[in-house]
Amino acid sequence: RHGQASHLDLARLQAIAEATTAPLVLHGGSGIPAEELAAAAKLGVVKVNIGAALQRALLQVWRHEAGAAPQHYDIYTRAREVLIEVARDKLRIMGGSGQA
């Protein structure tokens, strides 16, 4: 169920982390609860794909802003702000805020 709420098997993730020194990537991280994302980061997950969360945020902005009939550049400006906000929130959860 792409982009919908789901849960991580943290025990399995820990076993994978213990079996490798490679950085771990989580595909489909949009619907993972914040506390599980934070736990995943502590287990070595260094990248989380959140495309579905970004798409949902973008569609929400378009739906809301289109009703107000703004100029197209206003919609893009607001969409950019919201996408940055979503990405920053995920970075904060993962403990990556302020890191390059």
Foldseek 3Di string as FASTA:
>chain_A
DALAADEDPLVVLLVVLVVDPDAAEAERPNRYDLQRLQSSLVSRHDYYDRVSNLVVLLVVLCVVVVVVVDPPVVSVVVSVVSSVVVVQVSCVSSVNPPHD
